């Protein structure tokens, strides 16, 4: 399986399941605009390490943009219309974000996709994301669109139970993973990001995760 993914080239697609795929290099034409937008969002809502309901500090730093932002603290996981740190609404989804999400979803077979939330995750070397399902959205059939920028990562894509076998999916700068419909509730995660330095993004991996909350 690793050899299969390693052989993929830019502008190709690898099918992960009936309604899940990797669009290799799909975001590369708009990387500059994406990074500029991330800087603007970060200035309004800085990256932060959220706390889980159990008191665990998340390894991945994150921020949000869109109508809703994903939040976590001792009260639980949820979407809020305002940033709990500032009390201000999240910045709207930039046009480049919306266009990329819609284009990637359409390429994967999902028409007329309009997300209302984008989680922006920042992975330092050594940072990982445990297997989980995205369960806090009211809409659980519209796709998740996940954009990788910067350092490479290994995406884990599993089944509908935490203990199901996972596939290790190498992701490079500009790759976009889309999963929805009958595959929307699959478990997924990210193995620890290996140390390195990307020519454009530096010593980090940035991940844009578009969701339709309502």
N, C-alpha and C. Protein backbone atom coordinates (compact mmCIF):
# COMPACT_ATOMS: atom_id res chain seq x y z
N UNK A 1 0.82 -1.20 0.00
CA UNK A 1 0.00 0.00 0.00
C UNK A 1 0.86 1.26 0.00
N UNK A 2 1.97 1.27 0.80
CA UNK A 2 2.84 2.43 0.82
C UNK A 2 3.46 2.69 -0.55
N UNK A 3 3.84 1.60 -1.24
CA UNK A 3 4.40 1.76 -2.57
C UNK A 3 3.38 2.37 -3.52
N UNK A 4 2.13 1.99 -3.35
CA UNK A 4 1.08 2.54 -4.20
C UNK A 4 1.00 4.04 -4.05
N UNK A 5 0.98 4.51 -2.80
CA UNK A 5 0.85 5.95 -2.57
C UNK A 5 2.11 6.69 -3.00
N UNK A 6 3.27 6.08 -2.76
CA UNK A 6 4.52 6.73 -3.13
C UNK A 6 4.61 6.96 -4.62
N UNK A 7 3.94 6.11 -5.39
CA UNK A 7 4.01 6.21 -6.85
C UNK A 7 3.10 7.29 -7.41
N UNK A 8 2.21 7.83 -6.59
CA UNK A 8 1.27 8.82 -7.08
C UNK A 8 1.98 10.13 -7.39
N UNK A 9 1.50 10.82 -8.39
CA UNK A 9 2.08 12.08 -8.80
C UNK A 9 1.03 13.19 -8.70
N UNK A 10 1.51 14.40 -8.80
CA UNK A 10 0.63 15.56 -8.76
C UNK A 10 -0.48 15.41 -9.80
N UNK A 11 -1.67 15.86 -9.44
CA UNK A 11 -2.86 15.88 -10.30
C UNK A 11 -3.40 14.48 -10.55
N UNK A 12 -3.09 13.54 -9.66
CA UNK A 12 -3.71 12.23 -9.73
C UNK A 12 -4.57 12.05 -8.48
N UNK A 13 -5.35 10.99 -8.46
CA UNK A 13 -6.27 10.72 -7.36
C UNK A 13 -6.08 9.29 -6.89
N UNK A 14 -6.03 9.10 -5.59
CA UNK A 14 -5.99 7.77 -5.00
C UNK A 14 -7.29 7.54 -4.24
N UNK A 15 -8.02 6.50 -4.60
CA UNK A 15 -9.28 6.19 -3.92
C UNK A 15 -9.00 5.44 -2.63
N UNK A 16 -9.54 5.93 -1.52
CA UNK A 16 -9.39 5.28 -0.22
C UNK A 16 -10.58 4.40 0.13
N UNK A 17 -11.75 4.79 -0.35
CA UNK A 17 -12.99 4.06 -0.12
C UNK A 17 -13.98 4.55 -1.17
N UNK A 18 -15.21 4.05 -1.13
CA UNK A 18 -16.19 4.42 -2.16
C UNK A 18 -16.38 5.92 -2.26
N UNK A 19 -16.40 6.62 -1.11
CA UNK A 19 -16.62 8.07 -1.11
C UNK A 19 -15.50 8.78 -0.35
N UNK A 20 -14.28 8.35 -0.60
CA UNK A 20 -13.11 8.94 0.04
C UNK A 20 -11.92 8.83 -0.89
N UNK A 21 -11.15 9.92 -1.00
CA UNK A 21 -10.00 9.89 -1.91
C UNK A 21 -8.98 10.94 -1.51
N UNK A 22 -7.76 10.79 -2.07
CA UNK A 22 -6.70 11.78 -1.96
C UNK A 22 -6.52 12.42 -3.32
N UNK A 23 -6.59 13.75 -3.37
CA UNK A 23 -6.34 14.51 -4.59
C UNK A 23 -4.92 15.06 -4.46
N UNK A 24 -3.99 14.42 -5.14
CA UNK A 24 -2.57 14.75 -4.98
C UNK A 24 -2.24 16.10 -5.60
N UNK A 25 -1.66 16.99 -4.78
CA UNK A 25 -1.22 18.29 -5.27
C UNK A 25 -2.33 19.24 -5.65
N UNK A 26 -3.55 18.94 -5.26
CA UNK A 26 -4.71 19.72 -5.73
C UNK A 26 -4.64 21.18 -5.28
N UNK A 27 -4.06 21.44 -4.10
CA UNK A 27 -4.04 22.81 -3.57
C UNK A 27 -2.82 23.61 -4.00
N UNK A 28 -1.89 23.00 -4.71
CA UNK A 28 -0.63 23.68 -5.02
C UNK A 28 -0.82 25.01 -5.76
N UNK A 29 -1.74 25.13 -6.70
CA UNK A 29 -1.87 26.42 -7.41
C UNK A 29 -2.27 27.60 -6.53
N UNK A 30 -2.82 27.35 -5.35
CA UNK A 30 -3.31 28.46 -4.52
C UNK A 30 -2.60 28.52 -3.16
N UNK A 31 -1.46 27.86 -3.04
CA UNK A 31 -0.77 27.81 -1.75
C UNK A 31 -0.44 29.20 -1.23
N UNK A 32 0.06 30.07 -2.09
CA UNK A 32 0.42 31.42 -1.66
C UNK A 32 -0.75 32.17 -1.05
N UNK A 33 -1.90 32.09 -1.70
CA UNK A 33 -3.10 32.76 -1.19
C UNK A 33 -3.56 32.13 0.11
N UNK A 34 -3.48 30.80 0.21
CA UNK A 34 -3.89 30.13 1.45
C UNK A 34 -3.03 30.57 2.62
N UNK A 35 -1.72 30.63 2.43
CA UNK A 35 -0.82 31.00 3.52
C UNK A 35 -1.04 32.46 3.93
N UNK A 36 -1.30 33.34 2.97
CA UNK A 36 -1.59 34.74 3.30
C UNK A 36 -2.87 34.83 4.13
N UNK A 37 -3.87 34.06 3.75
CA UNK A 37 -5.13 34.07 4.50
C UNK A 37 -4.94 33.51 5.91
N UNK A 38 -4.12 32.48 6.04
CA UNK A 38 -3.86 31.91 7.36
C UNK A 38 -3.21 32.95 8.27
N UNK A 39 -2.28 33.74 7.73
CA UNK A 39 -1.64 34.78 8.53
C UNK A 39 -2.66 35.81 9.02
N UNK A 40 -3.61 36.17 8.16
CA UNK A 40 -4.65 37.13 8.55
C UNK A 40 -5.53 36.54 9.65
N UNK A 41 -5.91 35.29 9.49
CA UNK A 41 -6.75 34.62 10.49
C UNK A 41 -6.02 34.50 11.81
N UNK A 42 -4.75 34.13 11.75
CA UNK A 42 -3.95 33.97 12.96
C UNK A 42 -3.81 35.29 13.72
N UNK A 43 -3.73 36.40 12.99
CA UNK A 43 -3.62 37.70 13.66
C UNK A 43 -4.88 38.04 14.44
N UNK A 44 -6.04 37.58 13.95
CA UNK A 44 -7.31 37.84 14.62
C UNK A 44 -7.60 36.83 15.72
N UNK A 45 -7.26 35.57 15.47
CA UNK A 45 -7.53 34.48 16.41
C UNK A 45 -6.28 33.62 16.49
N UNK A 46 -5.35 33.91 17.40
CA UNK A 46 -4.06 33.21 17.44
C UNK A 46 -4.23 31.71 17.66
N UNK A 47 -3.25 30.95 17.18
CA UNK A 47 -3.21 29.52 17.45
C UNK A 47 -3.16 29.30 18.96
N UNK A 48 -3.85 28.23 19.39
CA UNK A 48 -3.86 27.89 20.81
C UNK A 48 -3.96 26.38 20.98
N UNK A 49 -3.53 25.88 22.15
CA UNK A 49 -3.64 24.47 22.48
C UNK A 49 -4.86 24.28 23.36
N UNK A 50 -5.89 23.67 22.82
CA UNK A 50 -7.13 23.50 23.56
C UNK A 50 -7.01 22.40 24.62
N UNK A 51 -7.91 22.44 25.57
CA UNK A 51 -7.97 21.46 26.64
C UNK A 51 -9.19 20.57 26.42
N UNK A 52 -9.01 19.26 26.55
CA UNK A 52 -10.12 18.33 26.39
C UNK A 52 -11.00 18.35 27.63
N UNK A 53 -12.23 17.82 27.54
CA UNK A 53 -13.09 17.74 28.72
C UNK A 53 -12.43 17.01 29.89
N UNK A 54 -11.51 16.09 29.59
CA UNK A 54 -10.82 15.36 30.65
C UNK A 54 -9.61 16.08 31.22
N UNK A 55 -9.29 17.27 30.67
CA UNK A 55 -8.18 18.06 31.18
C UNK A 55 -6.87 17.88 30.44
N UNK A 56 -6.87 17.10 29.36
CA UNK A 56 -5.66 16.88 28.57
C UNK A 56 -5.43 18.05 27.61
N UNK A 57 -4.21 18.55 27.56
CA UNK A 57 -3.86 19.62 26.62
C UNK A 57 -3.53 19.01 25.26
N UNK A 58 -4.22 19.44 24.22
CA UNK A 58 -4.02 18.88 22.89
C UNK A 58 -2.65 19.25 22.34
N UNK A 59 -2.00 18.29 21.69
CA UNK A 59 -0.69 18.53 21.09
C UNK A 59 -0.76 19.52 19.94
N UNK A 60 -1.79 19.41 19.14
CA UNK A 60 -1.92 20.23 17.93
C UNK A 60 -2.45 21.61 18.31
N UNK A 61 -1.78 22.66 17.85
CA UNK A 61 -2.29 24.02 18.04
C UNK A 61 -3.31 24.30 16.95
N UNK A 62 -4.33 25.11 17.26
CA UNK A 62 -5.37 25.32 16.27
C UNK A 62 -6.01 26.70 16.40
N UNK A 63 -6.67 27.10 15.31
CA UNK A 63 -7.54 28.25 15.28
C UNK A 63 -8.65 27.94 14.27
N UNK A 64 -9.54 28.91 14.05
CA UNK A 64 -10.71 28.67 13.19
C UNK A 64 -11.03 29.89 12.35
N UNK A 65 -11.81 29.65 11.30
CA UNK A 65 -12.51 30.72 10.60
C UNK A 65 -13.82 30.16 10.08
N UNK A 66 -14.75 31.04 9.75
CA UNK A 66 -16.06 30.61 9.28
C UNK A 66 -17.16 31.06 10.23
N UNK A 67 -18.37 30.65 9.93
CA UNK A 67 -19.50 30.97 10.80
C UNK A 67 -19.33 30.35 12.17
N UNK A 68 -18.77 29.15 12.19
CA UNK A 68 -18.56 28.42 13.44
C UNK A 68 -17.09 28.08 13.62
N UNK A 69 -16.66 28.01 14.87
CA UNK A 69 -15.32 27.55 15.19
C UNK A 69 -15.41 26.40 16.18
N UNK A 70 -14.58 25.38 15.97
CA UNK A 70 -14.59 24.23 16.86
C UNK A 70 -13.81 24.54 18.13
N UNK A 71 -14.40 24.23 19.28
CA UNK A 71 -13.81 24.56 20.58
C UNK A 71 -13.85 23.34 21.50
N UNK A 72 -12.95 23.34 22.45
CA UNK A 72 -12.92 22.29 23.46
C UNK A 72 -12.41 22.87 24.76
N UNK A 73 -13.06 22.51 25.86
CA UNK A 73 -12.59 22.85 27.19
C UNK A 73 -13.23 21.87 28.17
N UNK A 74 -13.18 22.17 29.44
CA UNK A 74 -13.73 21.26 30.45
C UNK A 74 -15.23 21.04 30.29
N UNK A 75 -15.91 21.96 29.57
CA UNK A 75 -17.35 21.83 29.37
C UNK A 75 -17.70 20.87 28.23
N UNK A 76 -16.72 20.55 27.39
CA UNK A 76 -16.98 19.61 26.30
C UNK A 76 -16.54 20.14 24.94
N UNK A 77 -16.78 19.31 23.92
CA UNK A 77 -16.50 19.67 22.53
C UNK A 77 -17.74 20.35 21.95
N UNK A 78 -17.54 21.37 21.12
CA UNK A 78 -18.68 22.08 20.56
C UNK A 78 -18.22 23.04 19.47
N UNK A 79 -19.19 23.61 18.75
CA UNK A 79 -18.94 24.71 17.83
C UNK A 79 -19.51 25.99 18.42
N UNK A 80 -18.73 27.07 18.36
CA UNK A 80 -19.16 28.38 18.84
C UNK A 80 -19.07 29.38 17.70
N UNK A 81 -19.96 30.37 17.72
CA UNK A 81 -19.91 31.44 16.73
C UNK A 81 -18.85 32.50 17.06
N UNK A 82 -18.38 32.51 18.30
CA UNK A 82 -17.37 33.50 18.71
C UNK A 82 -16.16 32.78 19.27
N UNK A 83 -15.03 33.45 19.19
CA UNK A 83 -13.79 32.93 19.74
C UNK A 83 -13.83 33.09 21.26
N UNK A 84 -13.77 32.00 22.02
CA UNK A 84 -13.82 32.12 23.48
C UNK A 84 -12.69 32.97 24.06
N UNK A 85 -11.56 33.05 23.35
CA UNK A 85 -10.42 33.81 23.88
C UNK A 85 -10.61 35.31 23.74
N UNK A 86 -11.30 35.74 22.67
CA UNK A 86 -11.42 37.17 22.39
C UNK A 86 -12.85 37.69 22.53
N UNK A 87 -13.83 36.79 22.45
CA UNK A 87 -15.23 37.21 22.45
C UNK A 87 -15.69 37.75 21.12
N UNK A 88 -14.83 37.71 20.11
CA UNK A 88 -15.17 38.22 18.78
C UNK A 88 -15.61 37.09 17.86
N UNK A 89 -16.45 37.38 16.87
CA UNK A 89 -16.79 36.35 15.87
C UNK A 89 -15.53 35.91 15.13
N UNK A 90 -15.53 34.66 14.69
CA UNK A 90 -14.45 34.18 13.85
C UNK A 90 -14.46 34.93 12.52
N UNK A 91 -13.32 35.12 11.92
CA UNK A 91 -13.29 35.75 10.60
C UNK A 91 -14.02 34.87 9.59
N UNK A 92 -14.66 35.48 8.59
CA UNK A 92 -15.35 34.68 7.57
C UNK A 92 -14.36 33.81 6.79
N UNK A 93 -14.88 32.75 6.20
CA UNK A 93 -14.06 31.93 5.31
C UNK A 93 -13.61 32.77 4.12
N UNK A 94 -12.30 32.87 3.87
CA UNK A 94 -11.82 33.65 2.72
C UNK A 94 -12.31 33.04 1.40
N UNK A 95 -12.47 33.85 0.36
CA UNK A 95 -12.92 33.32 -0.93
C UNK A 95 -12.04 32.18 -1.46
N UNK A 96 -10.72 32.29 -1.27
CA UNK A 96 -9.84 31.22 -1.75
C UNK A 96 -10.12 29.91 -1.02
N UNK A 97 -10.38 29.98 0.28
CA UNK A 97 -10.74 28.79 1.05
C UNK A 97 -12.01 28.16 0.50
N UNK A 98 -13.03 28.98 0.33
CA UNK A 98 -14.33 28.47 -0.14
C UNK A 98 -14.22 27.83 -1.52
N UNK A 99 -13.46 28.48 -2.41
CA UNK A 99 -13.33 27.96 -3.76
C UNK A 99 -12.58 26.64 -3.78
N UNK A 100 -11.48 26.57 -3.03
CA UNK A 100 -10.71 25.33 -2.99
C UNK A 100 -11.55 24.19 -2.41
N UNK A 101 -12.28 24.45 -1.33
CA UNK A 101 -13.10 23.40 -0.71
C UNK A 101 -14.16 22.91 -1.67
N UNK A 102 -14.83 23.84 -2.36
CA UNK A 102 -15.88 23.46 -3.31
C UNK A 102 -15.31 22.69 -4.49
N UNK A 103 -14.15 23.14 -5.01
CA UNK A 103 -13.54 22.47 -6.16
C UNK A 103 -13.07 21.07 -5.79
N UNK A 104 -12.46 20.91 -4.62
CA UNK A 104 -11.99 19.59 -4.20
C UNK A 104 -13.16 18.65 -3.96
N UNK A 105 -14.20 19.15 -3.32
CA UNK A 105 -15.38 18.31 -3.07
C UNK A 105 -16.01 17.86 -4.39
N UNK A 106 -16.11 18.78 -5.34
CA UNK A 106 -16.68 18.43 -6.65
C UNK A 106 -15.82 17.38 -7.35
N UNK A 107 -14.52 17.54 -7.28
CA UNK A 107 -13.62 16.56 -7.90
C UNK A 107 -13.80 15.18 -7.30
N UNK A 108 -14.16 15.14 -6.01
CA UNK A 108 -14.37 13.87 -5.31
C UNK A 108 -15.80 13.35 -5.43
N UNK A 109 -16.65 14.09 -6.15
CA UNK A 109 -18.01 13.61 -6.39
C UNK A 109 -19.09 14.25 -5.53
N UNK A 110 -18.75 15.33 -4.81
CA UNK A 110 -19.72 16.01 -3.96
C UNK A 110 -20.00 17.39 -4.53
N UNK A 111 -21.17 17.58 -5.10
CA UNK A 111 -21.52 18.85 -5.74
C UNK A 111 -22.04 19.86 -4.72
N UNK A 112 -21.88 21.13 -5.08
CA UNK A 112 -22.49 22.25 -4.33
C UNK A 112 -22.10 22.27 -2.85
N UNK A 113 -20.85 22.00 -2.58
CA UNK A 113 -20.36 21.98 -1.20
C UNK A 113 -20.03 23.39 -0.74
N UNK A 114 -20.65 23.82 0.35
CA UNK A 114 -20.37 25.13 0.94
C UNK A 114 -20.12 24.93 2.44
N UNK A 115 -18.87 24.83 2.87
CA UNK A 115 -18.59 24.64 4.29
C UNK A 115 -18.91 25.89 5.08
N UNK A 116 -19.18 25.72 6.37
CA UNK A 116 -19.40 26.88 7.23
C UNK A 116 -18.39 26.93 8.37
N UNK A 117 -17.37 26.08 8.32
CA UNK A 117 -16.31 26.09 9.33
C UNK A 117 -15.03 25.57 8.72
N UNK A 118 -13.91 26.15 9.15
CA UNK A 118 -12.59 25.63 8.78
C UNK A 118 -11.71 25.63 10.01
N UNK A 119 -11.28 24.44 10.42
CA UNK A 119 -10.32 24.29 11.51
C UNK A 119 -8.93 24.35 10.90
N UNK A 120 -8.07 25.17 11.46
CA UNK A 120 -6.69 25.30 10.99
C UNK A 120 -5.79 24.73 12.08
N UNK A 121 -5.15 23.61 11.77
CA UNK A 121 -4.30 22.92 12.74
C UNK A 121 -2.83 23.14 12.41
N UNK A 122 -2.02 23.35 13.44
CA UNK A 122 -0.58 23.53 13.26
C UNK A 122 0.14 22.40 14.00
N UNK A 123 0.87 21.59 13.23
CA UNK A 123 1.61 20.45 13.77
C UNK A 123 3.09 20.79 13.83
N UNK A 124 3.67 20.80 15.01
CA UNK A 124 5.12 20.86 15.15
C UNK A 124 5.68 19.45 14.98
N UNK A 125 6.98 19.31 14.66
CA UNK A 125 7.55 17.97 14.59
C UNK A 125 7.30 17.20 15.88
N UNK A 126 6.92 15.93 15.72
CA UNK A 126 6.60 15.08 16.85
C UNK A 126 5.13 15.10 17.24
N UNK A 127 4.37 16.04 16.71
CA UNK A 127 2.96 16.17 17.05
C UNK A 127 2.14 15.14 16.28
N UNK A 128 1.13 14.58 16.96
CA UNK A 128 0.26 13.60 16.33
C UNK A 128 -1.19 13.93 16.65
N UNK A 129 -2.10 13.27 15.95
CA UNK A 129 -3.53 13.41 16.21
C UNK A 129 -4.11 12.01 16.34
N UNK A 130 -4.67 11.70 17.49
CA UNK A 130 -5.18 10.35 17.76
C UNK A 130 -6.37 10.03 16.87
N UNK A 131 -6.60 8.73 16.67
CA UNK A 131 -7.76 8.29 15.90
C UNK A 131 -9.04 8.83 16.52
N UNK A 132 -9.92 9.37 15.68
CA UNK A 132 -11.17 9.93 16.16
C UNK A 132 -12.18 10.01 15.02
N UNK A 133 -13.42 10.24 15.35
CA UNK A 133 -14.45 10.57 14.39
C UNK A 133 -14.84 12.03 14.59
N UNK A 134 -15.25 12.71 13.52
CA UNK A 134 -15.78 14.06 13.64
C UNK A 134 -17.29 13.95 13.87
N UNK A 135 -17.68 14.12 15.14
CA UNK A 135 -19.06 13.83 15.54
C UNK A 135 -19.82 15.07 16.02
N UNK A 136 -19.20 16.24 16.02
CA UNK A 136 -19.83 17.41 16.61
C UNK A 136 -20.65 18.22 15.61
N UNK A 137 -20.70 17.77 14.36
CA UNK A 137 -21.46 18.47 13.33
C UNK A 137 -22.89 17.93 13.25
N UNK A 138 -23.85 18.80 13.00
CA UNK A 138 -25.22 18.34 12.77
C UNK A 138 -25.32 17.63 11.42
N UNK A 139 -24.52 18.10 10.46
CA UNK A 139 -24.50 17.50 9.13
C UNK A 139 -23.38 16.45 9.09
N UNK A 140 -23.77 15.19 9.05
CA UNK A 140 -22.77 14.11 9.06
C UNK A 140 -22.72 13.34 7.75
N UNK A 141 -23.16 13.97 6.68
CA UNK A 141 -23.05 13.35 5.36
C UNK A 141 -22.23 14.19 4.40
N UNK A 142 -22.29 15.53 4.55
CA UNK A 142 -21.44 16.39 3.72
C UNK A 142 -19.98 16.07 3.98
N UNK A 143 -19.14 16.23 2.98
CA UNK A 143 -17.76 15.76 3.13
C UNK A 143 -16.92 16.61 4.07
N UNK A 144 -15.88 15.98 4.57
CA UNK A 144 -14.75 16.67 5.18
C UNK A 144 -13.73 16.89 4.07
N UNK A 145 -13.20 18.11 3.97
CA UNK A 145 -12.15 18.41 3.00
C UNK A 145 -10.93 18.86 3.79
N UNK A 146 -9.83 18.11 3.68
CA UNK A 146 -8.64 18.31 4.50
C UNK A 146 -7.44 18.62 3.61
N UNK A 147 -6.84 19.79 3.81
CA UNK A 147 -5.75 20.29 2.97
C UNK A 147 -4.45 20.25 3.75
N UNK A 148 -3.41 19.64 3.18
CA UNK A 148 -2.10 19.53 3.83
C UNK A 148 -1.13 20.56 3.25
N UNK A 149 -0.44 21.29 4.13
CA UNK A 149 0.57 22.27 3.73
C UNK A 149 1.81 22.08 4.60
N UNK A 150 2.97 22.18 3.99
CA UNK A 150 4.20 22.11 4.75
C UNK A 150 4.78 20.72 4.85
N UNK A 151 5.27 20.36 6.03
CA UNK A 151 5.93 19.07 6.22
C UNK A 151 5.01 17.91 5.85
N UNK A 152 5.57 16.84 5.32
CA UNK A 152 4.76 15.66 5.01
C UNK A 152 4.24 15.02 6.28
N UNK A 153 3.17 14.24 6.12
CA UNK A 153 2.56 13.55 7.26
C UNK A 153 2.01 12.22 6.80
N UNK A 154 1.75 11.34 7.75
CA UNK A 154 1.09 10.07 7.46
C UNK A 154 -0.30 10.10 8.07
N UNK A 155 -1.29 10.09 7.20
CA UNK A 155 -2.70 10.14 7.58
C UNK A 155 -3.18 8.71 7.81
N UNK A 156 -3.86 8.48 8.91
CA UNK A 156 -4.45 7.18 9.21
C UNK A 156 -5.92 7.22 8.84
N UNK A 157 -6.35 6.29 8.01
CA UNK A 157 -7.75 6.24 7.58
C UNK A 157 -8.28 4.86 7.90
N UNK A 158 -9.27 4.81 8.80
CA UNK A 158 -9.73 3.53 9.30
C UNK A 158 -11.17 3.22 8.96
N UNK A 159 -11.80 2.43 9.82
CA UNK A 159 -13.18 2.01 9.62
C UNK A 159 -14.12 2.76 10.53
N UNK A 160 -15.21 2.11 10.87
CA UNK A 160 -16.26 2.77 11.65
C UNK A 160 -16.18 2.44 13.13
N UNK A 161 -15.20 1.60 13.51
CA UNK A 161 -14.91 1.32 14.91
C UNK A 161 -13.44 1.66 15.16
N UNK A 162 -13.13 2.12 16.36
CA UNK A 162 -11.77 2.55 16.66
C UNK A 162 -10.75 1.44 16.43
N UNK A 163 -11.14 0.20 16.69
CA UNK A 163 -10.21 -0.91 16.55
C UNK A 163 -10.06 -1.45 15.15
N UNK A 164 -10.79 -0.92 14.19
CA UNK A 164 -10.69 -1.40 12.80
C UNK A 164 -9.30 -1.11 12.23
N UNK A 165 -8.90 -1.92 11.27
CA UNK A 165 -7.62 -1.73 10.61
C UNK A 165 -7.56 -0.38 9.92
N UNK A 166 -6.40 0.28 9.98
CA UNK A 166 -6.22 1.57 9.31
C UNK A 166 -5.26 1.43 8.13
N UNK A 167 -5.42 2.32 7.18
CA UNK A 167 -4.49 2.46 6.06
C UNK A 167 -3.62 3.68 6.32
N UNK A 168 -2.32 3.54 6.11
CA UNK A 168 -1.40 4.66 6.27
C UNK A 168 -1.25 5.37 4.92
N UNK A 169 -1.62 6.64 4.91
CA UNK A 169 -1.67 7.40 3.67
C UNK A 169 -0.64 8.53 3.73
N UNK A 170 0.47 8.44 2.99
CA UNK A 170 1.44 9.54 2.98
C UNK A 170 0.84 10.78 2.32
N UNK A 171 0.96 11.92 2.99
CA UNK A 171 0.45 13.18 2.45
C UNK A 171 1.59 14.17 2.28
N UNK A 172 1.59 14.83 1.15
CA UNK A 172 2.61 15.83 0.83
C UNK A 172 1.97 17.22 0.77
N UNK A 173 2.83 18.23 0.73
CA UNK A 173 2.41 19.62 0.59
C UNK A 173 1.47 19.78 -0.60
N UNK A 174 0.27 20.28 -0.36
CA UNK A 174 -0.70 20.51 -1.44
C UNK A 174 -1.71 19.40 -1.64
N UNK A 175 -1.54 18.26 -0.96
CA UNK A 175 -2.51 17.17 -1.10
C UNK A 175 -3.82 17.53 -0.38
N UNK A 176 -4.92 17.02 -0.90
CA UNK A 176 -6.24 17.24 -0.30
C UNK A 176 -6.94 15.89 -0.15
N UNK A 177 -7.40 15.60 1.05
CA UNK A 177 -8.17 14.38 1.31
C UNK A 177 -9.64 14.78 1.46
N UNK A 178 -10.51 14.02 0.80
CA UNK A 178 -11.95 14.27 0.87
C UNK A 178 -12.65 12.98 1.25
N UNK A 179 -13.51 13.03 2.28
CA UNK A 179 -14.33 11.86 2.59
C UNK A 179 -15.69 12.33 3.09
N UNK A 180 -16.75 11.63 2.62
CA UNK A 180 -18.11 12.02 3.00
C UNK A 180 -19.09 10.92 2.68
N UNK A 181 -20.38 11.28 2.68
CA UNK A 181 -21.41 10.29 2.39
C UNK A 181 -21.33 9.10 3.33
N UNK A 182 -21.32 7.91 2.75
CA UNK A 182 -21.25 6.69 3.55
C UNK A 182 -19.93 6.48 4.26
N UNK A 183 -18.90 7.23 3.88
CA UNK A 183 -17.59 7.11 4.53
C UNK A 183 -17.29 8.25 5.48
N UNK A 184 -18.26 9.13 5.68
CA UNK A 184 -18.04 10.34 6.49
C UNK A 184 -17.62 10.04 7.93
N UNK A 185 -18.13 8.97 8.52
CA UNK A 185 -17.89 8.71 9.94
C UNK A 185 -16.75 7.73 10.20
N UNK A 186 -15.85 7.59 9.25
CA UNK A 186 -14.69 6.74 9.47
C UNK A 186 -13.71 7.39 10.46
N UNK A 187 -13.08 6.55 11.26
CA UNK A 187 -12.03 7.02 12.16
C UNK A 187 -10.81 7.44 11.34
N UNK A 188 -10.12 8.46 11.83
CA UNK A 188 -8.93 8.96 11.13
C UNK A 188 -8.02 9.65 12.13
N UNK A 189 -6.77 9.82 11.76
CA UNK A 189 -5.80 10.46 12.63
C UNK A 189 -4.52 10.76 11.87
N UNK A 190 -3.50 11.21 12.58
CA UNK A 190 -2.22 11.55 11.96
C UNK A 190 -1.09 11.02 12.85
N UNK A 191 -0.16 10.27 12.26
CA UNK A 191 1.02 9.81 13.00
C UNK A 191 1.94 10.98 13.32
N UNK A 192 2.85 10.84 14.30
CA UNK A 192 3.75 11.96 14.64
C UNK A 192 4.48 12.49 13.40
N UNK A 193 4.43 13.81 13.25
CA UNK A 193 5.10 14.45 12.12
C UNK A 193 6.61 14.39 12.33
N UNK A 194 7.32 13.96 11.30
CA UNK A 194 8.77 13.82 11.40
C UNK A 194 9.46 15.18 11.29
N UNK A 195 10.59 15.34 11.99
CA UNK A 195 11.32 16.61 11.91
C UNK A 195 11.75 16.92 10.48
N UNK A 196 11.81 18.19 10.17
CA UNK A 196 12.21 18.62 8.84
C UNK A 196 11.91 20.08 8.66
N UNK A 197 12.22 20.56 7.49
CA UNK A 197 11.93 21.96 7.16
C UNK A 197 11.42 22.04 5.73
N UNK A 198 10.23 22.61 5.58
CA UNK A 198 9.66 22.81 4.25
C UNK A 198 10.10 24.16 3.70
N UNK A 199 10.40 24.21 2.40
CA UNK A 199 10.94 25.43 1.80
C UNK A 199 10.01 26.63 1.96
N UNK A 200 8.70 26.39 1.96
CA UNK A 200 7.72 27.48 2.01
C UNK A 200 7.13 27.67 3.40
N UNK A 201 6.81 26.56 4.08
CA UNK A 201 6.05 26.62 5.33
C UNK A 201 6.94 26.49 6.56
N UNK A 202 8.18 26.08 6.38
CA UNK A 202 9.10 25.99 7.50
C UNK A 202 9.01 24.68 8.26
N UNK A 203 9.31 24.70 9.54
CA UNK A 203 9.39 23.49 10.36
C UNK A 203 8.03 23.17 10.98
N UNK A 204 7.03 23.01 10.14
CA UNK A 204 5.69 22.74 10.63
C UNK A 204 4.83 22.18 9.51
N UNK A 205 3.72 21.59 9.92
CA UNK A 205 2.67 21.19 8.98
C UNK A 205 1.41 21.96 9.34
N UNK A 206 0.78 22.56 8.35
CA UNK A 206 -0.51 23.22 8.52
C UNK A 206 -1.58 22.39 7.84
N UNK A 207 -2.72 22.31 8.46
CA UNK A 207 -3.82 21.51 7.92
C UNK A 207 -5.12 22.32 8.00
N UNK A 208 -5.77 22.49 6.85
CA UNK A 208 -7.08 23.13 6.79
C UNK A 208 -8.13 22.03 6.72
N UNK A 209 -9.07 22.03 7.65
CA UNK A 209 -10.12 21.02 7.65
C UNK A 209 -11.48 21.72 7.52
N UNK A 210 -12.08 21.59 6.34
CA UNK A 210 -13.36 22.22 6.06
C UNK A 210 -14.50 21.29 6.44
N UNK A 211 -15.52 21.85 7.08
CA UNK A 211 -16.66 21.06 7.53
C UNK A 211 -17.96 21.83 7.30
N UNK A 212 -19.03 21.09 7.13
CA UNK A 212 -20.38 21.64 7.08
C UNK A 212 -21.02 21.30 8.42
N UNK A 213 -21.18 22.30 9.28
CA UNK A 213 -21.69 22.07 10.63
C UNK A 213 -23.20 21.96 10.63
N UNK A 214 -23.88 22.86 9.94
CA UNK A 214 -25.34 22.88 9.90
C UNK A 214 -25.85 22.98 8.47
